[in-house]
Every structure is written in C-alpha cells, then in structure tokens.
Amino acid sequence: MKLLIRILLSTIAVLVAAMLLPGVHAESLTTALLVAVVLGFLNAVLRPVLLLLTLPVTVLTLGLFVLVINAAMVLLAARIVPHFTVDGFWWALAFSIVMWAVQSVLMALDGGEAGR
C-alpha cells in the first residue's frame, strides 16, 4: 500500500513539474504515471551503481555531481517513456529539482508515511 501511495505522489509531482516547466512535456496522466514508475525503477536500480562509480567526482564537487546524475535519470526516462519529452539537460535538472520539492511537500502533508 505504501508503494502505491509513493507512486501516486510521484505521479502528482511529475504532473506539477511538467505544468511548471515549459521544457518538460507529459501528455497525459497515464504518461505521468509511467514516468513515475520508470524513474522509481531507474533510481532503485541504476542510480546506486552510478553513485558508486562517480564517487570521486561527487566528493570533489562536494555532492553537486549528484544533480547531474539526477538529470541523467530524467533524460533516460524521457527516452524510455513515450509522450514524455525533456528539451535538454537544464530542463532535466530543473525537473528533478521541482519534482524533489513537490514530493517533499506531498510527503510532509502525508505525514511521511509513504517513505516508511
């Protein structure tokens, strides 16, 4: 049940980010749901490997390189999910930041139960 709530919150975050950012386009609710699932999968499987491989660069940049990894995950999701487009790296970076902020607010409103 917690997984479904987390996917729903992520879907809402994708929709809000796509509405706020003109360089990000999600055509429908189904597309946003698919983006949320794909991003969740990529963040669970691929992101830890990338974080480990780029650890020296991440330490050297005081953690800022993690933002590049987040943007890369968004760009990869845009290639995987049909009808979801991101106009470039900077829009992907902005999308990941807006999505993080919206998810944080939604999870705080939920009482943090989705993260447990």
N, C-alpha and C. Protein backbone atom coordinates (compact mmCIF):
# COMPACT_ATOMS: atom_id res chain seq x y z
N MET A 1 0.82 -1.19 0.00
CA MET A 1 0.00 0.00 0.00
C MET A 1 0.86 1.26 0.00
N LYS A 2 1.95 1.22 0.78
CA LYS A 2 2.85 2.37 0.84
C LYS A 2 3.50 2.65 -0.52
N LEU A 3 3.79 1.56 -1.26
CA LEU A 3 4.38 1.72 -2.60
C LEU A 3 3.39 2.43 -3.53
N LEU A 4 2.13 2.06 -3.46
CA LEU A 4 1.12 2.71 -4.30
C LEU A 4 0.96 4.18 -3.96
N ILE A 5 1.00 4.51 -2.68
CA ILE A 5 0.91 5.91 -2.26
C ILE A 5 2.12 6.68 -2.77
N ARG A 6 3.28 6.07 -2.68
CA ARG A 6 4.51 6.75 -3.15
C ARG A 6 4.47 6.96 -4.67
N ILE A 7 3.97 5.98 -5.41
CA ILE A 7 3.85 6.13 -6.86
C ILE A 7 2.84 7.22 -7.20
N LEU A 8 1.74 7.26 -6.46
CA LEU A 8 0.73 8.30 -6.69
C LEU A 8 1.31 9.69 -6.41
N LEU A 9 2.04 9.82 -5.32
CA LEU A 9 2.67 11.12 -5.01
C LEU A 9 3.70 11.51 -6.07
N SER A 10 4.45 10.54 -6.56
CA SER A 10 5.42 10.81 -7.62
C SER A 10 4.72 11.21 -8.91
N THR A 11 3.59 10.58 -9.20
CA THR A 11 2.82 10.95 -10.39
C THR A 11 2.34 12.38 -10.31
N ILE A 12 1.84 12.77 -9.15
CA ILE A 12 1.40 14.16 -8.95
C ILE A 12 2.59 15.10 -9.10
N ALA A 13 3.74 14.72 -8.56
CA ALA A 13 4.93 15.56 -8.69
C ALA A 13 5.36 15.71 -10.15
N VAL A 14 5.26 14.63 -10.92
CA VAL A 14 5.60 14.70 -12.35
C VAL A 14 4.65 15.65 -13.06
N LEU A 15 3.36 15.55 -12.77
CA LEU A 15 2.38 16.44 -13.42
C LEU A 15 2.63 17.90 -13.06
N VAL A 16 2.89 18.17 -11.78
CA VAL A 16 3.14 19.55 -11.36
C VAL A 16 4.41 20.10 -12.02
N ALA A 17 5.46 19.29 -12.02
CA ALA A 17 6.72 19.74 -12.64
C ALA A 17 6.54 19.99 -14.13
N ALA A 18 5.77 19.12 -14.80
CA ALA A 18 5.54 19.29 -16.23
C ALA A 18 4.70 20.54 -16.51
N MET A 19 3.79 20.89 -15.59
CA MET A 19 2.98 22.10 -15.78
C MET A 19 3.81 23.36 -15.53
N LEU A 20 4.74 23.30 -14.58
CA LEU A 20 5.53 24.47 -14.22
C LEU A 20 6.66 24.76 -15.20
N LEU A 21 7.22 23.72 -15.80
CA LEU A 21 8.41 23.88 -16.65
C LEU A 21 8.02 23.76 -18.13
N PRO A 22 8.25 24.82 -18.91
CA PRO A 22 7.88 24.77 -20.33
C PRO A 22 8.73 23.82 -21.16
N GLY A 23 9.87 23.39 -20.66
CA GLY A 23 10.74 22.49 -21.43
C GLY A 23 10.50 21.03 -21.14
N VAL A 24 9.48 20.74 -20.33
CA VAL A 24 9.14 19.35 -19.99
C VAL A 24 7.69 19.11 -20.37
N HIS A 25 7.44 18.01 -21.09
CA HIS A 25 6.10 17.74 -21.60
C HIS A 25 5.68 16.31 -21.26
N ALA A 26 4.61 16.18 -20.50
CA ALA A 26 3.98 14.89 -20.23
C ALA A 26 2.55 15.01 -20.73
N GLU A 27 2.20 14.20 -21.72
CA GLU A 27 0.94 14.40 -22.42
C GLU A 27 -0.30 14.04 -21.62
N SER A 28 -0.21 13.08 -20.71
CA SER A 28 -1.42 12.63 -20.02
C SER A 28 -1.09 12.12 -18.62
N LEU A 29 -2.13 11.79 -17.90
CA LEU A 29 -1.97 11.21 -16.57
C LEU A 29 -1.29 9.84 -16.66
N THR A 30 -1.63 9.10 -17.69
CA THR A 30 -1.01 7.79 -17.89
C THR A 30 0.49 7.93 -18.14
N THR A 31 0.86 8.92 -18.93
CA THR A 31 2.27 9.18 -19.18
C THR A 31 2.99 9.55 -17.89
N ALA A 32 2.36 10.42 -17.08
CA ALA A 32 2.97 10.82 -15.81
C ALA A 32 3.12 9.62 -14.88
N LEU A 33 2.14 8.74 -14.86
CA LEU A 33 2.23 7.53 -14.03
C LEU A 33 3.36 6.64 -14.51
N LEU A 34 3.49 6.49 -15.81
CA LEU A 34 4.57 5.68 -16.35
C LEU A 34 5.94 6.30 -16.07
N VAL A 35 6.03 7.62 -16.14
CA VAL A 35 7.28 8.33 -15.81
C VAL A 35 7.64 8.08 -14.35
N ALA A 36 6.66 8.17 -13.47
CA ALA A 36 6.91 7.95 -12.04
C ALA A 36 7.42 6.53 -11.79
N VAL A 37 6.83 5.55 -12.44
CA VAL A 37 7.26 4.16 -12.26
C VAL A 37 8.66 3.95 -12.83
N VAL A 38 8.91 4.48 -14.03
CA VAL A 38 10.23 4.30 -14.66
C VAL A 38 11.31 5.01 -13.84
N LEU A 39 11.04 6.23 -13.39
CA LEU A 39 12.02 6.94 -12.56
C LEU A 39 12.27 6.20 -11.25
N GLY A 40 11.22 5.67 -10.66
CA GLY A 40 11.39 4.88 -9.44
C GLY A 40 12.27 3.66 -9.67
N PHE A 41 12.05 2.98 -10.80
CA PHE A 41 12.86 1.81 -11.13
C PHE A 41 14.32 2.20 -11.40
N LEU A 42 14.50 3.25 -12.20
CA LEU A 42 15.86 3.70 -12.50
C LEU A 42 16.60 4.16 -11.25
N ASN A 43 15.89 4.86 -10.37
CA ASN A 43 16.52 5.32 -9.13
C ASN A 43 16.82 4.17 -8.18
N ALA A 44 16.07 3.09 -8.27
CA ALA A 44 16.32 1.95 -7.40
C ALA A 44 17.43 1.04 -7.93
N VAL A 45 17.55 0.95 -9.24
CA VAL A 45 18.49 0.00 -9.84
C VAL A 45 19.77 0.68 -10.35
N LEU A 46 19.63 1.69 -11.18
CA LEU A 46 20.78 2.28 -11.86
C LEU A 46 21.48 3.36 -11.03
N ARG A 47 20.73 4.16 -10.31
CA ARG A 47 21.30 5.28 -9.57
C ARG A 47 22.37 4.87 -8.55
N PRO A 48 22.15 3.80 -7.75
CA PRO A 48 23.20 3.41 -6.80
C PRO A 48 24.51 3.02 -7.48
N VAL A 49 24.42 2.38 -8.63
CA VAL A 49 25.62 2.00 -9.37
C VAL A 49 26.35 3.25 -9.87
N LEU A 50 25.59 4.20 -10.41
CA LEU A 50 26.20 5.44 -10.89
C LEU A 50 26.80 6.25 -9.75
N LEU A 51 26.12 6.27 -8.61
CA LEU A 51 26.68 6.99 -7.46
C LEU A 51 27.99 6.37 -7.00
N LEU A 52 28.06 5.06 -7.02
CA LEU A 52 29.30 4.39 -6.61
C LEU A 52 30.43 4.64 -7.62
N LEU A 53 30.10 4.58 -8.90
CA LEU A 53 31.13 4.78 -9.94
C LEU A 53 31.64 6.23 -9.98
N THR A 54 30.78 7.16 -9.62
CA THR A 54 31.16 8.57 -9.69
C THR A 54 31.49 9.15 -8.32
N LEU A 55 31.75 8.31 -7.36
CA LEU A 55 32.02 8.77 -6.00
C LEU A 55 33.18 9.77 -5.92
N PRO A 56 34.29 9.53 -6.60
CA PRO A 56 35.38 10.52 -6.52
C PRO A 56 34.97 11.91 -7.04
N VAL A 57 34.24 11.94 -8.15
CA VAL A 57 33.80 13.22 -8.70
C VAL A 57 32.78 13.87 -7.76
N THR A 58 31.92 13.06 -7.18
CA THR A 58 30.91 13.58 -6.26
C THR A 58 31.57 14.20 -5.03
N VAL A 59 32.59 13.54 -4.50
CA VAL A 59 33.30 14.07 -3.34
C VAL A 59 34.04 15.35 -3.73
N LEU A 60 34.66 15.35 -4.90
CA LEU A 60 35.41 16.51 -5.36
C LEU A 60 34.51 17.74 -5.55
N THR A 61 33.27 17.50 -5.99
CA THR A 61 32.33 18.61 -6.21
C THR A 61 31.43 18.86 -5.01
N LEU A 62 31.77 18.25 -3.89
CA LEU A 62 31.00 18.40 -2.65
C LEU A 62 29.54 17.99 -2.81
N GLY A 63 29.31 16.96 -3.59
CA GLY A 63 27.97 16.40 -3.74
C GLY A 63 27.15 16.97 -4.88
N LEU A 64 27.64 18.02 -5.52
CA LEU A 64 26.85 18.64 -6.59
C LEU A 64 26.72 17.75 -7.83
N PHE A 65 27.62 16.80 -8.00
CA PHE A 65 27.54 15.92 -9.16
C PHE A 65 26.31 15.02 -9.10
N VAL A 66 25.75 14.84 -7.91
CA VAL A 66 24.52 14.05 -7.78
C VAL A 66 23.39 14.69 -8.58
N LEU A 67 23.40 16.01 -8.70
CA LEU A 67 22.39 16.70 -9.51
C LEU A 67 22.52 16.31 -10.98
N VAL A 68 23.75 16.12 -11.45
CA VAL A 68 23.98 15.67 -12.82
C VAL A 68 23.43 14.26 -13.01
N ILE A 69 23.63 13.41 -12.02
CA ILE A 69 23.10 12.03 -12.10
C ILE A 69 21.58 12.06 -12.12
N ASN A 70 20.97 12.92 -11.30
CA ASN A 70 19.51 13.04 -11.30
C ASN A 70 18.99 13.50 -12.66
N ALA A 71 19.66 14.47 -13.25
CA ALA A 71 19.26 14.95 -14.58
C ALA A 71 19.43 13.84 -15.62
N ALA A 72 20.47 13.06 -15.50
CA ALA A 72 20.68 11.95 -16.42
C ALA A 72 19.57 10.91 -16.30
N MET A 73 19.10 10.66 -15.09
CA MET A 73 17.99 9.72 -14.88
C MET A 73 16.72 10.24 -15.56
N VAL A 74 16.49 11.55 -15.47
CA VAL A 74 15.31 12.14 -16.11
C VAL A 74 15.43 12.04 -17.63
N LEU A 75 16.61 12.33 -18.17
CA LEU A 75 16.80 12.23 -19.62
C LEU A 75 16.65 10.79 -20.10
N LEU A 76 17.11 9.83 -19.32
CA LEU A 76 16.95 8.42 -19.68
C LEU A 76 15.47 8.04 -19.63
N ALA A 77 14.76 8.51 -18.64
CA ALA A 77 13.32 8.24 -18.56
C ALA A 77 12.59 8.85 -19.75
N ALA A 78 13.04 10.01 -20.20
CA ALA A 78 12.41 10.65 -21.36
C ALA A 78 12.64 9.83 -22.63
N ARG A 79 13.75 9.13 -22.70
CA ARG A 79 14.00 8.26 -23.86
C ARG A 79 13.18 6.98 -23.80
N ILE A 80 12.89 6.52 -22.59
CA ILE A 80 12.18 5.25 -22.41
C ILE A 80 10.67 5.43 -22.54
N VAL A 81 10.13 6.48 -21.93
CA VAL A 81 8.67 6.66 -21.85
C VAL A 81 8.17 7.44 -23.06
N PRO A 82 7.25 6.85 -23.82
CA PRO A 82 6.68 7.59 -24.94
C PRO A 82 5.80 8.74 -24.45
N HIS A 83 5.76 9.81 -25.21
CA HIS A 83 4.95 11.00 -24.92
C HIS A 83 5.45 11.79 -23.71
N PHE A 84 6.68 11.52 -23.28
CA PHE A 84 7.32 12.32 -22.24
C PHE A 84 8.61 12.86 -22.83
N THR A 85 8.70 14.18 -22.95
CA THR A 85 9.89 14.78 -23.56
C THR A 85 10.48 15.84 -22.64
N VAL A 86 11.79 15.92 -22.69
CA VAL A 86 12.54 16.94 -21.95
C VAL A 86 13.44 17.61 -22.98
N ASP A 87 13.40 18.93 -23.04
CA ASP A 87 14.08 19.68 -24.09
C ASP A 87 15.60 19.79 -23.94
N GLY A 88 16.16 19.33 -22.85
CA GLY A 88 17.61 19.39 -22.70
C GLY A 88 18.03 19.12 -21.28
N PHE A 89 19.35 19.16 -21.07
CA PHE A 89 19.92 18.86 -19.77
C PHE A 89 19.42 19.81 -18.69
N TRP A 90 19.39 21.11 -18.98
CA TRP A 90 19.00 22.08 -17.96
C TRP A 90 17.55 21.92 -17.56
N TRP A 91 16.68 21.57 -18.53
CA TRP A 91 15.29 21.30 -18.19
C TRP A 91 15.18 20.02 -17.36
N ALA A 92 16.00 19.04 -17.64
CA ALA A 92 16.01 17.81 -16.84
C ALA A 92 16.46 18.11 -15.42
N LEU A 93 17.47 18.96 -15.29
CA LEU A 93 17.95 19.34 -13.97
C LEU A 93 16.86 20.10 -13.20
N ALA A 94 16.20 21.04 -13.87
CA ALA A 94 15.12 21.80 -13.24
C ALA A 94 13.96 20.86 -12.87
N PHE A 95 13.65 19.91 -13.75
CA PHE A 95 12.59 18.94 -13.48
C PHE A 95 12.90 18.13 -12.23
N SER A 96 14.14 17.68 -12.10
CA SER A 96 14.48 16.87 -10.93
C SER A 96 14.40 17.69 -9.65
N ILE A 97 14.76 18.96 -9.71
CA ILE A 97 14.69 19.82 -8.52
C ILE A 97 13.23 20.11 -8.16
N VAL A 98 12.41 20.45 -9.15
CA VAL A 98 11.00 20.73 -8.89
C VAL A 98 10.30 19.47 -8.39
N MET A 99 10.60 18.35 -9.00
CA MET A 99 9.98 17.09 -8.58
C MET A 99 10.36 16.76 -7.13
N TRP A 100 11.63 16.98 -6.78
CA TRP A 100 12.06 16.74 -5.40
C TRP A 100 11.29 17.64 -4.44
N ALA A 101 11.14 18.92 -4.78
CA ALA A 101 10.44 19.86 -3.90
C ALA A 101 8.97 19.48 -3.74
N VAL A 102 8.32 19.15 -4.84
CA VAL A 102 6.90 18.79 -4.77
C VAL A 102 6.72 17.50 -3.98
N GLN A 103 7.58 16.50 -4.22
CA GLN A 103 7.49 15.25 -3.46
C GLN A 103 7.72 15.50 -1.98
N SER A 104 8.63 16.37 -1.64
CA SER A 104 8.89 16.68 -0.23
C SER A 104 7.65 17.28 0.44
N VAL A 105 7.01 18.21 -0.24
CA VAL A 105 5.81 18.83 0.30
C VAL A 105 4.68 17.80 0.43
N LEU A 106 4.49 16.99 -0.60
CA LEU A 106 3.42 15.99 -0.56
C LEU A 106 3.66 14.95 0.53
N MET A 107 4.90 14.54 0.69
CA MET A 107 5.19 13.54 1.73
C MET A 107 5.07 14.15 3.12
N ALA A 108 5.37 15.43 3.25
CA ALA A 108 5.18 16.09 4.54
C ALA A 108 3.69 16.18 4.86
N LEU A 109 2.87 16.46 3.86
CA LEU A 109 1.43 16.51 4.05
C LEU A 109 0.87 15.13 4.39
N ASP A 110 1.50 14.09 3.83
CA ASP A 110 1.09 12.72 4.07
C ASP A 110 1.55 12.25 5.46
N GLY A 111 2.37 13.03 6.09
CA GLY A 111 2.90 12.65 7.40
C GLY A 111 4.15 11.80 7.30
N GLY A 112 4.71 11.71 6.09
CA GLY A 112 5.92 10.94 5.90
C GLY A 112 5.69 9.44 5.87
N GLU A 113 4.44 9.01 5.86
CA GLU A 113 4.14 7.58 5.89
C GLU A 113 4.53 6.87 4.60
N ALA A 114 4.55 7.58 3.47
CA ALA A 114 4.88 6.93 2.20
C ALA A 114 6.32 6.51 2.15
N GLY A 115 7.18 7.16 2.88
CA GLY A 115 8.60 6.85 2.84
C GLY A 115 9.02 5.71 3.75
N ARG A 116 8.13 5.27 4.61
CA ARG A 116 8.49 4.22 5.57
C ARG A 116 8.21 2.84 5.06
